[in-house]
Amino acid sequence: MQGASLIYFMIFSLIIVGMYITVRRRWVNPGVAAAVGIVAGTVAMMLTLSSMNSDMMDVQAIFFGFLIGTGFVVAALAVAWYFHSNELREHYMREEYAPVDYVEYDEHEDYISAEST
């Protein structure tokens, strides 16, 4: 890899990691994060392919950049969404099965015994 293609590839990897963390931590709407990640990842991969092989035609770089970029970003998005859904499911399970707070009652105030009547 030449210098420019290596830089574009590093940008591509940072885009994937950034989108993964954004979706996993739900910093923004996952649909927006996915759209921005797919477009930015595709552009970064197109630039990587076009700068890596000067004999490659621009149409080929666009086509394969779209396929490779979209494929990797969608795979990272699926993994992030899977783990995010598991975290949500675990959170709701904990809330649903959480023990009820124990409250001590004073017998004289809350209960009427047979002796007091």
Protein backbone atom coordinates (compact mmCIF):
# COMPACT_ATOMS: atom_id res chain seq x y z
CA MET A 1 0.00 0.00 0.00
CA GLN A 2 1.18 3.47 -0.81
CA GLY A 3 0.98 6.34 1.65
CA ALA A 4 -2.32 7.83 0.50
CA SER A 5 -4.13 4.51 0.32
CA LEU A 6 -2.88 3.61 3.81
CA ILE A 7 -4.22 6.91 5.17
CA TYR A 8 -7.60 6.35 3.49
CA PHE A 9 -7.72 2.81 4.87
CA MET A 10 -6.98 4.07 8.38
CA ILE A 11 -9.80 6.61 7.98
CA PHE A 12 -12.05 3.73 6.87
CA SER A 13 -11.17 1.74 9.99
CA LEU A 14 -11.77 4.76 12.24
CA ILE A 15 -15.17 5.27 10.62
CA ILE A 16 -16.14 1.67 11.37
CA VAL A 17 -14.95 1.86 14.99
CA GLY A 18 -16.64 5.24 15.50
CA MET A 19 -19.92 4.01 14.07
CA TYR A 20 -19.77 0.85 16.20
CA ILE A 21 -19.23 2.82 19.41
CA THR A 22 -21.89 5.38 18.46
CA VAL A 23 -24.52 2.72 17.83
CA ARG A 24 -23.51 0.61 20.82
CA ARG A 25 -23.64 3.53 23.27
CA ARG A 26 -26.60 5.13 21.46
CA TRP A 27 -25.03 8.59 21.36
CA VAL A 28 -27.23 9.51 18.39
CA ASN A 29 -30.12 7.85 16.59
CA PRO A 30 -28.85 4.49 15.22
CA GLY A 31 -30.41 5.19 11.82
CA VAL A 32 -28.46 8.42 11.47
CA ALA A 33 -25.26 6.74 12.65
CA ALA A 34 -25.78 3.91 10.17
CA ALA A 35 -26.44 6.26 7.25
CA VAL A 36 -23.43 8.44 7.99
CA GLY A 37 -21.25 5.37 8.58
CA ILE A 38 -22.28 3.70 5.34
CA VAL A 39 -21.72 6.80 3.23
CA ALA A 40 -18.41 7.74 4.89
CA GLY A 41 -17.14 4.13 4.85
CA THR A 42 -18.04 3.72 1.20
CA VAL A 43 -16.29 6.95 0.23
CA ALA A 44 -13.20 6.02 2.25
CA MET A 45 -13.01 2.59 0.61
CA MET A 46 -13.48 4.11 -2.86
CA LEU A 47 -10.60 6.48 -2.20
CA THR A 48 -8.48 3.62 -0.85
CA LEU A 49 -9.05 1.50 -3.95
CA SER A 50 -8.56 4.32 -6.43
CA SER A 51 -5.29 5.46 -4.81
CA MET A 52 -3.99 1.92 -4.29
CA ASN A 53 -4.18 0.86 -7.93
CA SER A 54 -3.71 3.56 -10.52
CA ASP A 55 -4.64 1.14 -13.34
CA MET A 56 -8.07 0.59 -11.84
CA MET A 57 -10.77 2.56 -13.55
CA ASP A 58 -12.88 4.93 -11.52
CA VAL A 59 -16.02 2.89 -12.22
CA GLN A 60 -14.36 -0.21 -10.78
CA ALA A 61 -13.20 1.70 -7.71
CA ILE A 62 -16.70 3.07 -7.18
CA PHE A 63 -18.35 -0.34 -7.63
CA PHE A 64 -15.96 -2.36 -5.47
CA GLY A 65 -15.59 0.46 -2.97
CA PHE A 66 -19.35 0.50 -2.56
CA LEU A 67 -19.52 -3.29 -2.10
CA ILE A 68 -16.58 -3.60 0.28
CA GLY A 69 -17.30 -0.43 2.24
CA THR A 70 -20.99 -1.15 2.65
CA GLY A 71 -20.33 -4.79 3.54
CA PHE A 72 -17.90 -4.02 6.35
CA VAL A 73 -19.96 -1.16 7.74
CA VAL A 74 -23.19 -3.20 7.71
CA ALA A 75 -21.39 -6.11 9.43
CA ALA A 76 -20.07 -3.78 12.15
CA LEU A 77 -23.55 -2.24 12.47
CA ALA A 78 -25.15 -5.66 12.91
CA VAL A 79 -22.67 -6.63 15.64
CA ALA A 80 -23.14 -3.32 17.45
CA TRP A 81 -26.92 -3.59 17.28
CA TYR A 82 -26.83 -7.19 18.53
CA PHE A 83 -24.81 -6.28 21.62
CA HIS A 84 -26.88 -3.14 22.20
CA SER A 85 -30.09 -5.20 22.10
CA ASN A 86 -28.62 -7.69 24.57
CA GLU A 87 -27.73 -4.87 26.95
CA LEU A 88 -31.27 -3.47 26.74
CA ARG A 89 -32.81 -6.89 27.27
CA GLU A 90 -30.64 -7.47 30.33
CA HIS A 91 -31.52 -4.04 31.70
CA TYR A 92 -35.26 -4.66 31.38
CA MET A 93 -34.95 -8.14 32.87
CA ARG A 94 -33.22 -6.69 35.92
CA GLU A 95 -35.96 -4.10 36.36
CA GLU A 96 -38.72 -6.66 35.95
CA TYR A 97 -37.30 -9.16 38.42
CA ALA A 98 -35.83 -6.71 40.89
CA PRO A 99 -36.72 -7.51 44.48
CA VAL A 100 -39.30 -5.31 46.12
CA ASP A 101 -37.81 -3.00 48.71
CA TYR A 102 -38.24 -4.38 52.19
CA VAL A 103 -40.07 -2.03 54.52
CA GLU A 104 -40.28 -2.67 58.21
CA TYR A 105 -43.65 -2.02 59.79
CA ASP A 106 -44.31 -1.22 63.38
CA GLU A 107 -46.69 -3.85 64.69
CA HIS A 108 -48.58 -1.48 66.93
CA GLU A 109 -49.47 0.97 64.18
CA ASP A 110 -50.11 -1.26 61.20
CA TYR A 111 -51.62 -4.41 62.62
CA ILE A 112 -54.57 -4.83 64.94
CA SER A 113 -54.06 -7.74 67.22
CA ALA A 114 -56.77 -9.70 69.00
CA GLU A 115 -55.57 -8.39 72.34
CA SER A 116 -56.05 -4.73 71.44
CA THR A 117 -59.72 -5.03 70.51
